[in-house]
Amino acid sequence: MIAPVGPLRVYVATRPVDFRKGHDGLAAVVQEMFGPDPFSGAAFVFRSKRADRIKLLVWDRTGMVLVHKRLEGGKFVWPQVQDGVIRLSAAQFAALFEGLDWRLVRPERARRPQLAG
């Protein structure tokens, strides 16, 4: 799988995209829809109309990586279809990629210690 350098930023397109698009087509969608640079190292997630497939696009500093996953027995859990983008934590993305309900994942915030020692 993809091993990010530093914290992984994950952006999800809430509206389905044309799944015939490849690396270059999805990178253009990132620039139009998401705003951030597709070569920033962030992961960009796209859904199909049937919600049983996802495509993940990420720049790994040596090339553009495109991952395509189809669930065999079910559908991915998606937010309501609307214009826009949502951001997921790494834990929420892991749940989404596994086909689980990512909305139930609430990653615990790291607390800064008040005292040393």
Protein backbone atom coordinates (compact mmCIF):
# COMPACT_ATOMS: atom_id res chain seq x y z
CA MET A 1 0.00 0.00 0.00
CA ILE A 2 1.02 3.63 -0.02
CA ALA A 3 3.44 4.69 2.69
CA PRO A 4 3.12 8.46 3.09
CA VAL A 5 5.93 10.69 4.25
CA GLY A 6 4.47 12.52 7.26
CA PRO A 7 0.76 12.84 8.03
CA LEU A 8 -1.51 11.76 5.19
CA ARG A 9 -4.00 14.35 3.96
CA VAL A 10 -7.03 12.70 2.32
CA TYR A 11 -9.56 14.57 0.21
CA VAL A 12 -12.75 12.89 -1.03
CA ALA A 13 -14.83 14.12 -3.96
CA THR A 14 -18.48 13.85 -2.96
CA ARG A 15 -19.77 13.79 -6.56
CA PRO A 16 -19.08 10.71 -8.75
CA VAL A 17 -16.51 11.06 -11.55
CA ASP A 18 -16.13 9.40 -14.93
CA PHE A 19 -14.25 6.19 -14.11
CA ARG A 20 -12.76 6.00 -17.59
CA LYS A 21 -10.33 8.73 -16.51
CA GLY A 22 -6.78 7.73 -15.75
CA HIS A 23 -3.83 9.44 -14.08
CA ASP A 24 -3.85 12.63 -16.15
CA GLY A 25 -7.62 13.02 -16.28
CA LEU A 26 -7.99 12.64 -12.53
CA ALA A 27 -5.07 15.02 -11.89
CA ALA A 28 -6.96 17.61 -13.96
CA VAL A 29 -10.09 16.95 -11.87
CA VAL A 30 -8.02 17.52 -8.73
CA GLN A 31 -6.92 20.92 -10.01
CA GLU A 32 -10.47 21.91 -10.98
CA MET A 33 -12.43 20.46 -8.05
CA PHE A 34 -10.10 20.24 -5.08
CA GLY A 35 -7.85 23.23 -5.45
CA PRO A 36 -4.63 21.70 -4.05
CA ASP A 37 -1.77 20.70 -6.30
CA PRO A 38 -2.16 17.04 -7.38
CA PHE A 39 1.60 16.67 -6.79
CA SER A 40 1.37 17.78 -3.13
CA GLY A 41 1.50 14.23 -1.73
CA ALA A 42 -2.12 14.32 -0.56
CA ALA A 43 -4.42 11.41 -1.44
CA PHE A 44 -7.45 12.22 -3.60
CA VAL A 45 -10.36 9.77 -3.52
CA PHE A 46 -13.01 9.49 -6.22
CA ARG A 47 -16.19 7.42 -6.32
CA SER A 48 -18.13 5.73 -9.10
CA LYS A 49 -21.83 6.25 -9.73
CA ARG A 50 -22.70 2.83 -8.29
CA ALA A 51 -20.61 3.53 -5.14
CA ASP A 52 -19.01 0.08 -5.33
CA ARG A 53 -15.69 1.39 -6.70
CA ILE A 54 -13.15 3.96 -5.66
CA LYS A 55 -10.05 5.41 -7.28
CA LEU A 56 -7.25 6.87 -5.24
CA LEU A 57 -4.70 9.23 -6.77
CA VAL A 58 -1.51 10.21 -4.96
CA TRP A 59 1.93 11.54 -5.92
CA ASP A 60 4.62 9.50 -4.10
CA ARG A 61 7.53 11.80 -5.10
CA THR A 62 8.63 9.42 -7.89
CA GLY A 63 5.41 9.17 -9.88
CA MET A 64 1.64 9.33 -9.83
CA VAL A 65 0.00 6.30 -8.19
CA LEU A 66 -3.53 5.28 -9.18
CA VAL A 67 -5.31 2.65 -7.08
CA HIS A 68 -8.66 1.23 -8.22
CA LYS A 69 -10.70 -0.88 -5.82
CA ARG A 70 -14.04 -2.63 -6.37
CA LEU A 71 -16.01 -4.14 -3.50
CA GLU A 72 -17.39 -7.54 -4.39
CA GLY A 73 -20.20 -7.66 -1.87
CA GLY A 74 -21.54 -4.23 -1.10
CA LYS A 75 -20.95 -0.55 -1.53
CA PHE A 76 -18.66 2.02 -0.01
CA VAL A 77 -20.22 4.39 2.52
CA TRP A 78 -20.26 7.90 1.02
CA PRO A 79 -21.49 11.28 2.15
CA GLN A 80 -24.52 12.69 0.36
CA VAL A 81 -23.84 13.51 -3.27
CA GLN A 82 -23.27 17.23 -3.54
CA ASP A 83 -20.73 19.59 -5.01
CA GLY A 84 -17.64 19.79 -2.93
CA VAL A 85 -14.90 17.97 -1.16
CA ILE A 86 -14.53 16.57 2.34
CA ARG A 87 -11.37 15.80 4.23
CA LEU A 88 -10.82 12.53 6.10
CA SER A 89 -8.32 11.54 8.75
CA ALA A 90 -5.96 8.66 8.01
CA ALA A 91 -8.07 6.40 10.28
CA GLN A 92 -11.30 7.36 8.52
CA PHE A 93 -9.67 6.74 5.13
CA ALA A 94 -8.47 3.29 6.26
CA ALA A 95 -12.05 2.42 7.24
CA LEU A 96 -13.41 3.73 3.91
CA PHE A 97 -10.84 1.73 1.94
CA GLU A 98 -11.83 -1.44 3.82
CA GLY A 99 -15.49 -0.87 2.96
CA LEU A 100 -16.45 0.05 6.54
CA ASP A 101 -18.53 3.01 7.69
CA TRP A 102 -15.83 5.66 8.09
CA ARG A 103 -18.31 8.03 9.81
CA LEU A 104 -18.10 5.87 12.95
CA VAL A 105 -14.34 6.38 13.27
CA ARG A 106 -13.42 9.11 15.72
CA PRO A 107 -9.64 9.24 16.02
CA GLU A 108 -8.46 10.22 19.46
CA ARG A 109 -6.66 13.54 19.55
CA ALA A 110 -3.12 13.45 20.94
CA ARG A 111 -2.89 15.58 24.04
CA ARG A 112 0.16 17.63 24.81
CA PRO A 113 1.61 16.90 28.27
CA GLN A 114 1.48 19.74 30.76
CA LEU A 115 4.71 18.73 32.54
CA ALA A 116 7.84 16.92 31.49
CA GLY A 117 8.83 13.85 33.45
